[in-house]
Protein backbone atom coordinates (compact mmCIF):
# COMPACT_ATOMS: atom_id res chain seq x y z
CA MET A 1 20.94 46.27 -37.27
CA SER A 2 19.84 43.77 -34.85
CA ASP A 3 17.09 46.07 -33.47
CA ARG A 4 15.83 46.72 -37.04
CA ILE A 5 15.59 42.90 -37.62
CA PHE A 6 13.74 42.49 -34.29
CA ASN A 7 11.45 45.19 -35.10
CA ARG A 8 10.51 43.68 -38.44
CA HIS A 9 9.98 40.31 -36.82
CA ARG A 10 7.87 41.87 -34.25
CA THR A 11 5.51 43.08 -37.46
CA HIS A 12 3.89 39.76 -37.44
CA LEU A 13 2.56 39.76 -33.90
CA ARG A 14 1.44 43.41 -34.36
CA SER A 15 -0.13 42.59 -37.63
CA TYR A 16 -2.05 39.60 -36.04
CA LEU A 17 -3.33 42.01 -33.14
CA ALA A 18 -4.21 44.62 -35.51
CA ALA A 19 -6.21 42.45 -37.80
CA GLY A 20 -7.95 40.88 -34.82
CA TYR A 21 -9.21 44.10 -33.43
CA ALA A 22 -10.42 45.27 -36.68
CA LEU A 23 -12.57 42.29 -36.70
CA PHE A 24 -13.81 43.22 -33.27
CA ILE A 25 -14.56 46.53 -34.40
CA ALA A 26 -16.44 45.35 -37.55
CA TYR A 27 -18.56 43.01 -35.01
CA ALA A 28 -19.28 45.73 -32.66
CA SER A 29 -20.32 48.14 -35.48
CA LEU A 30 -22.40 45.76 -37.40
CA SER A 31 -23.97 43.18 -34.98
CA PRO A 32 -26.44 41.59 -35.22
CA PHE A 33 -25.77 41.48 -39.02
CA SER A 34 -29.49 41.26 -39.77
CA GLY A 35 -32.36 43.41 -41.37
CA TRP A 36 -30.16 44.78 -44.10
CA GLN A 37 -32.01 47.31 -45.94
CA GLU A 38 -31.90 50.39 -48.25
CA GLN A 39 -33.19 53.19 -46.07
CA GLY A 40 -33.03 56.13 -48.54
CA LEU A 41 -30.22 57.90 -46.81
CA ASP A 42 -27.46 59.86 -48.55
CA PHE A 43 -23.98 59.38 -47.14
CA LEU A 44 -22.79 62.93 -48.19
CA GLU A 45 -25.64 64.32 -46.28
CA ILE A 46 -24.95 62.46 -43.26
CA LEU A 47 -21.26 63.61 -43.44
CA PHE A 48 -22.02 67.25 -43.65
CA SER A 49 -25.10 67.37 -41.27
CA PRO A 50 -25.03 69.51 -38.20
CA LEU A 51 -22.91 67.83 -35.41
CA GLY A 52 -25.61 68.90 -32.86
CA GLN A 53 -28.10 66.39 -34.14
CA THR A 54 -26.40 63.06 -33.09
CA PHE A 55 -23.40 64.32 -30.85
CA THR A 56 -23.29 63.21 -27.26
CA TRP A 57 -20.39 63.30 -24.89
CA PHE A 58 -21.10 59.80 -23.85
CA ASP A 59 -20.92 58.47 -27.37
CA PHE A 60 -18.04 60.53 -28.10
CA GLY A 61 -16.06 58.91 -25.30
CA ILE A 62 -17.20 55.38 -25.97
CA ASN A 63 -16.08 55.61 -29.62
CA LEU A 64 -12.79 57.13 -28.77
CA LEU A 65 -11.85 54.51 -26.44
CA ALA A 66 -13.06 51.80 -28.80
CA TYR A 67 -10.71 53.05 -31.68
CA LEU A 68 -7.77 54.02 -29.47
CA PRO A 69 -6.34 50.45 -29.38
CA PHE A 70 -6.72 50.21 -33.05
CA GLY A 71 -4.87 53.20 -33.80
CA PHE A 72 -2.14 52.09 -31.27
CA LEU A 73 -1.75 48.54 -32.86
CA LEU A 74 -1.71 50.02 -36.43
CA ALA A 75 0.84 52.74 -35.45
CA MET A 76 3.08 49.93 -33.75
CA MET A 77 2.70 47.64 -36.77
CA LEU A 78 3.43 50.42 -39.30
CA ARG A 79 6.32 52.17 -37.38
CA SER A 80 8.34 48.91 -37.39
CA ARG A 81 8.45 49.10 -41.17
CA PHE A 82 8.14 53.09 -41.72
CA PRO A 83 9.56 54.64 -38.66
CA ALA A 84 9.31 58.24 -40.04
CA SER A 85 5.69 58.09 -41.13
CA GLY A 86 4.13 55.58 -39.04
CA VAL A 87 1.39 57.79 -37.28
CA LEU A 88 0.16 59.23 -40.60
CA LEU A 89 0.08 55.71 -42.10
CA ALA A 90 -2.04 54.64 -39.03
CA VAL A 91 -4.52 57.30 -39.22
CA VAL A 92 -5.23 56.86 -42.84
CA PRO A 93 -6.54 52.94 -42.55
CA GLY A 94 -7.89 53.92 -39.13
CA LEU A 95 -10.22 56.55 -40.74
CA ALA A 96 -10.99 54.31 -43.65
CA MET A 97 -12.13 51.65 -41.27
CA SER A 98 -14.38 53.97 -39.57
CA LEU A 99 -15.64 55.48 -42.77
CA LEU A 100 -16.52 51.93 -43.85
CA MET A 101 -18.55 51.09 -40.81
CA GLU A 102 -20.47 54.38 -40.89
CA TYR A 103 -21.30 53.89 -44.44
CA ALA A 104 -22.38 50.00 -43.74
CA GLN A 105 -24.63 51.23 -40.68
CA MET A 106 -26.68 53.26 -43.16
CA TYR A 107 -28.37 49.84 -44.25
CA LEU A 108 -29.07 48.52 -40.71
CA PRO A 109 -32.27 49.97 -39.26
CA ALA A 110 -31.01 49.24 -35.59
CA ARG A 111 -27.72 51.41 -36.24
CA VAL A 112 -27.38 55.11 -36.63
CA SER A 113 -24.76 56.50 -39.08
CA SER A 114 -23.46 59.91 -38.12
CA ASN A 115 -20.52 62.29 -38.70
CA SER A 116 -19.98 62.67 -34.99
CA ASP A 117 -19.01 59.12 -34.73
CA LEU A 118 -16.64 59.44 -37.65
CA ILE A 119 -14.95 62.41 -35.75
CA SER A 120 -14.81 60.46 -32.39
CA ASN A 121 -13.61 57.42 -34.03
CA GLY A 122 -10.86 59.34 -35.77
CA ALA A 123 -9.90 61.18 -32.50
CA GLY A 124 -9.34 57.61 -31.03
CA VAL A 125 -7.30 56.59 -33.72
CA VAL A 126 -4.91 59.72 -33.43
CA CYS A 127 -4.80 59.36 -29.75
CA GLY A 128 -3.72 55.63 -30.09
CA ALA A 129 -1.11 56.29 -32.65
CA LEU A 130 0.47 59.22 -30.63
CA LEU A 131 0.42 56.86 -27.52
CA ALA A 132 2.21 54.24 -29.50
CA VAL A 133 5.05 56.88 -30.69
CA ASN A 134 5.32 57.96 -27.07
CA ILE A 135 5.67 54.37 -25.69
CA GLU A 136 8.16 53.22 -28.27
CA THR A 137 10.54 55.85 -27.29
CA GLN A 138 10.52 54.87 -23.61
CA GLU A 139 13.41 52.85 -22.15
CA TRP A 140 11.18 50.29 -20.49
CA PHE A 141 9.75 49.39 -23.78
CA ALA A 142 13.04 48.48 -25.23
CA ARG A 143 13.76 46.45 -22.16
CA MET A 144 10.50 44.56 -22.64
CA GLN A 145 11.52 43.77 -26.24
CA GLN A 146 14.81 42.28 -25.12
CA TRP A 147 13.05 40.28 -22.42
CA TYR A 148 10.52 39.04 -25.03
CA GLY A 149 13.24 38.00 -27.51
CA ARG A 150 15.05 36.06 -24.65
CA TRP A 151 11.97 34.23 -23.32
CA PHE A 152 9.84 33.47 -26.57
CA GLN A 153 10.55 31.88 -29.74
CA ARG A 154 10.69 33.78 -32.93
CA GLY A 155 8.84 33.36 -36.14
CA SER A 156 5.21 33.87 -37.68
CA VAL A 157 3.95 30.51 -36.00
CA SER A 158 5.05 31.83 -32.51
CA ASP A 159 3.51 35.19 -33.07
CA PHE A 160 0.13 33.62 -34.13
CA GLY A 161 0.44 31.64 -30.86
CA LEU A 162 1.07 34.82 -28.71
CA ALA A 163 -2.03 36.38 -30.66
CA LEU A 164 -4.17 33.28 -29.67
CA LEU A 165 -3.13 33.79 -25.99
CA ALA A 166 -4.33 37.39 -26.15
CA LEU A 167 -7.52 36.25 -27.60
CA TRP A 168 -8.21 33.63 -24.80
CA MET A 169 -7.34 36.40 -22.16
CA PHE A 170 -10.12 38.66 -23.77
CA ALA A 171 -12.71 35.96 -23.87
CA GLN A 172 -12.22 35.07 -20.25
CA ILE A 173 -12.54 38.64 -18.83
CA ASN A 174 -16.27 38.65 -19.29
CA PRO A 175 -17.70 38.79 -15.68
CA SER A 176 -21.02 37.10 -16.85
CA LEU A 177 -18.90 33.97 -17.39
CA PRO A 178 -17.80 31.87 -14.45
CA MET A 179 -14.14 31.85 -13.90
CA LEU A 180 -12.62 30.19 -16.96
CA GLY A 181 -16.13 28.91 -17.55
CA SER A 182 -17.92 28.82 -21.00
CA VAL A 183 -21.57 28.89 -19.85
CA PHE A 184 -23.08 32.54 -19.28
CA ILE A 185 -24.41 33.08 -15.78
CA SER A 186 -28.06 34.23 -15.57
CA GLU A 187 -30.12 35.52 -12.62
CA VAL A 188 -32.76 32.93 -11.81
CA ALA A 189 -36.18 34.33 -11.07
CA ARG A 190 -37.42 33.30 -7.60
CA SER A 191 -40.32 34.12 -5.34
CA PRO A 192 -39.57 36.81 -2.60
CA PHE A 193 -37.91 35.53 0.60
CA GLU A 194 -37.45 32.16 -0.87
CA VAL A 195 -34.35 30.47 0.39
CA VAL A 196 -31.67 30.01 -2.26
CA PRO A 197 -30.79 26.13 -2.58
CA VAL A 198 -27.24 25.11 -2.36
CA LEU A 199 -26.32 23.52 -5.54
CA PRO A 200 -24.11 20.44 -5.61
CA PHE A 201 -20.66 20.56 -6.58
CA ASN A 202 -20.45 20.13 -10.30
CA TRP A 203 -17.52 17.99 -11.43
CA LEU A 204 -18.14 18.47 -15.08
CA GLU A 205 -17.76 22.37 -14.69
CA CYS A 206 -14.58 21.63 -12.67
CA ALA A 207 -13.25 19.41 -15.54
CA ALA A 208 -14.11 22.23 -18.13
CA VAL A 209 -12.26 24.56 -15.94
CA ALA A 210 -9.03 22.47 -15.94
CA LEU A 211 -9.24 21.76 -19.79
CA ASN A 212 -9.74 25.64 -20.37
CA LEU A 213 -6.67 26.36 -18.52
CA LEU A 214 -4.65 23.58 -19.84
CA MET A 215 -5.14 24.99 -23.42
CA PRO A 216 -3.25 28.24 -22.90
CA GLY A 217 -0.74 26.31 -20.83
CA VAL A 218 0.36 23.89 -23.43
CA LEU A 219 0.28 26.83 -25.75
CA LEU A 220 2.93 28.72 -23.71
CA LEU A 221 4.90 25.38 -23.55
CA THR A 222 5.21 25.42 -27.39
CA LEU A 223 5.99 29.32 -27.37
CA LEU A 224 8.69 29.57 -24.61
CA ARG A 225 12.33 28.70 -25.14
CA GLU A 226 12.63 27.41 -21.59
CA ARG A 227 9.79 25.60 -20.25
CA ARG A 228 10.64 26.39 -16.51
CA HIS A 229 8.98 29.76 -17.03
CA THR A 230 5.59 28.38 -18.34
CA LEU A 231 3.85 28.18 -14.75
CA ASN A 232 4.99 31.62 -13.81
CA LEU A 233 3.62 33.14 -17.11
CA LEU A 234 0.51 31.17 -16.92
CA LEU A 235 -0.21 32.26 -13.22
CA LEU A 236 0.52 35.87 -14.53
CA ALA A 237 -1.90 35.64 -17.38
CA LEU A 238 -4.57 34.13 -14.91
CA GLY A 239 -3.80 36.89 -12.38
CA VAL A 240 -4.38 39.59 -15.18
CA VAL A 241 -7.69 37.88 -16.23
CA THR A 242 -8.82 37.88 -12.67
CA LEU A 243 -7.99 41.38 -11.93
CA ALA A 244 -9.59 42.61 -15.24
CA LYS A 245 -12.62 40.44 -14.49
CA PHE A 246 -13.17 41.87 -11.07
CA VAL A 247 -12.71 45.48 -12.14
CA ILE A 248 -15.17 45.10 -15.01
CA ALA A 249 -17.64 43.30 -12.90
CA ALA A 250 -17.33 46.29 -10.21
CA VAL A 251 -18.05 48.73 -12.94
CA LEU A 252 -20.97 46.83 -14.96
CA LEU A 253 -22.65 44.33 -12.68
CA LYS A 254 -24.95 44.88 -9.97
CA SER A 255 -23.78 44.83 -6.55
CA TRP A 256 -25.15 41.36 -5.47
CA ALA A 257 -23.46 39.93 -8.53
CA LEU A 258 -20.04 41.14 -7.91
CA LEU A 259 -18.35 37.89 -7.38
CA VAL A 260 -20.95 35.61 -9.00
CA TRP A 261 -18.19 34.54 -11.54
CA LEU A 262 -16.25 33.04 -8.70
CA ASN A 263 -17.17 29.35 -7.43
CA SER A 264 -15.67 26.46 -5.92
CA GLU A 265 -15.57 24.46 -9.32
CA ALA A 266 -13.43 27.30 -10.71
CA MET A 267 -10.97 27.16 -7.76
CA PHE A 268 -10.57 23.17 -7.91
CA GLY A 269 -10.42 23.34 -11.57
CA ILE A 270 -7.51 25.81 -11.65
CA VAL A 271 -5.46 23.56 -9.44
CA ALA A 272 -6.10 20.72 -11.53
CA GLY A 273 -5.33 22.44 -14.73
CA VAL A 274 -2.00 23.71 -13.30
CA LEU A 275 -1.15 20.18 -12.37
CA LEU A 276 -1.97 19.09 -15.91
CA VAL A 277 0.22 21.80 -17.35
CA MET A 278 3.05 20.66 -15.16
CA LEU A 279 2.58 17.20 -16.38
CA ALA A 280 2.69 18.38 -20.05
CA SER A 281 5.80 20.31 -19.51
CA ARG A 282 7.70 16.86 -19.20
CA LEU A 283 6.65 15.84 -22.68
CA ALA A 284 8.84 16.00 -25.91
CA GLN A 285 7.61 18.55 -28.27
CA ARG A 286 5.77 16.05 -30.84
CA LYS A 287 3.98 14.23 -27.90
CA LEU A 288 3.20 17.63 -26.48
CA ILE A 289 1.45 18.53 -29.73
CA PHE A 290 -0.49 15.37 -29.55
CA TYR A 291 -1.36 16.01 -25.98
CA ALA A 292 -2.51 19.47 -26.63
CA VAL A 293 -4.81 18.25 -29.45
CA LEU A 294 -6.42 15.78 -27.00
CA ALA A 295 -6.83 18.52 -24.68
CA VAL A 296 -8.56 20.81 -27.05
CA LEU A 297 -10.91 18.00 -28.53
CA GLY A 298 -11.81 16.92 -24.82
CA TYR A 299 -12.73 20.42 -23.96
CA MET A 300 -14.87 20.77 -26.89
CA VAL A 301 -16.72 17.55 -26.54
CA LEU A 302 -17.16 18.29 -22.83
CA VAL A 303 -18.43 21.87 -22.97
CA HIS A 304 -20.76 21.44 -26.27
CA TRP A 305 -21.90 17.97 -26.24
CA VAL A 306 -21.71 16.61 -22.55
CA MET A 307 -22.55 19.96 -20.88
CA GLY A 308 -24.72 21.14 -23.56
CA GLY A 309 -23.08 24.65 -23.65
CA GLY A 310 -26.36 26.31 -21.98
CA GLY A 311 -26.66 29.96 -21.49
CA THR A 312 -27.17 32.81 -23.91
CA PRO A 313 -25.84 36.42 -23.86
CA ALA A 314 -29.30 37.64 -23.51
CA GLY A 315 -29.91 35.77 -20.35
CA ALA A 316 -26.92 37.17 -18.60
CA MET A 317 -28.20 40.90 -19.18
CA ARG A 318 -30.03 40.95 -15.96
CA LEU A 319 -26.71 40.76 -14.08
CA TYR A 320 -25.78 44.34 -15.39
CA HIS A 321 -26.93 47.64 -14.37
CA TRP A 322 -25.74 48.75 -17.88
CA HIS A 323 -28.69 49.23 -20.04
CA TYR A 324 -27.13 50.11 -23.37
CA GLY A 325 -26.90 47.65 -26.22
CA HIS A 326 -23.31 47.51 -26.06
CA MET A 327 -23.23 44.96 -23.44
CA LEU A 328 -25.25 42.33 -25.47
CA ASN A 329 -22.82 42.75 -28.27
CA TYR A 330 -19.77 42.27 -25.75
CA ASN A 331 -21.29 39.17 -24.23
CA ALA A 332 -21.97 37.91 -27.78
CA LEU A 333 -18.55 38.47 -28.81
CA SER A 334 -17.14 36.99 -25.66
CA GLN A 335 -19.07 33.68 -26.66
CA ILE A 336 -17.87 33.65 -30.22
CA VAL A 337 -14.35 34.36 -29.23
CA ALA A 338 -14.66 31.46 -26.63
CA LEU A 339 -16.09 29.01 -29.39
CA LEU A 340 -13.29 29.99 -31.90
CA PHE A 341 -10.36 29.80 -29.75
CA PRO A 342 -10.10 25.99 -29.60
CA LEU A 343 -10.52 25.73 -33.22
CA LEU A 344 -7.82 28.40 -33.92
CA LEU A 345 -5.57 26.63 -31.48
CA LEU A 346 -6.10 23.29 -33.40
CA GLY A 347 -4.99 25.27 -36.33
CA TYR A 348 -1.87 26.56 -34.68
CA LEU A 349 -0.82 23.16 -33.45
CA GLY A 350 -1.18 21.98 -36.97
CA TRP A 351 0.95 24.62 -38.31
CA LEU A 352 3.51 24.00 -35.67
CA ARG A 353 3.50 20.15 -36.48
CA SER A 354 3.95 20.87 -40.11
CA ARG A 355 6.99 23.29 -39.40
CA LEU A 356 8.68 20.55 -37.13
CA SER A 357 8.26 18.01 -39.75
CA LYS A 358 9.99 20.24 -42.31
CA ALA A 359 12.84 20.98 -39.83
CA VAL A 360 13.60 17.18 -39.61
């Protein structure tokens, strides 16, 4: 009975993650959301056209990998409520999402709607759902759920906070952003054999990194049952971000730009951010929320008004040896997530404060 109650509670987090990933798919499929027009296409003709007209193994692999996490999250969400038919129920909305995206792409001249994409998307949903079923039967997954229940607060507010933490981590792994930075790195055109000047240490960037680390730090302080675990989990999240950033950089960036995202401002900013989180851990819950709001507002003012928020997704494209349009969408999405995270965190803090007021 207790396991059933725990799984029902976990549906909140799984629902938040599945909804967030659905928005990611919509953005990746329909970006740049401009140029909508009727092109005289018949969707039924597209569905039943010969596969060889649009099929490539590269696109098949990309689409399968893109929809695999969606199928996984849908199955994890639905199996907690319908254990016997979670896979089937996950495949239906996954295919519906793919069908809707392919239909909408008919009205975007920059996009190509095809039945081969629909098949590869569906294959990704099925693989993700089957993976979820396999993982849920593993003993280590049950132990991880028990560990989660001991360490983290329960409730829809806490689940939303954890989804925000995952969102923050997603925004930070883009290798065309400095470590915990918010401005895209761009290659500066210089004359041949020109000596690259050494730039002075930028204390504003250092402060932005510190505040950017402080935000997930105070978020963890509100989520954990015991604050003494905060620093370990924050460093673990930071380690995951660093490893993912390095791997993605090694795959996608040009060789000379492999470590361009790592600089001295980031190193000093991380140390300062850790110290600020340790200071925040000594505050009572209500004072912590006020402290967190100040940190978020300070970060937004510093990045968008003082530093100017320079850099564009297109300006970072010269760092990549990947020439497909997917990268421009990925960079733009990272920027949007980085912009939205502080606002969503403010909403979470307001939600948490209202819950605390009702509990008194």
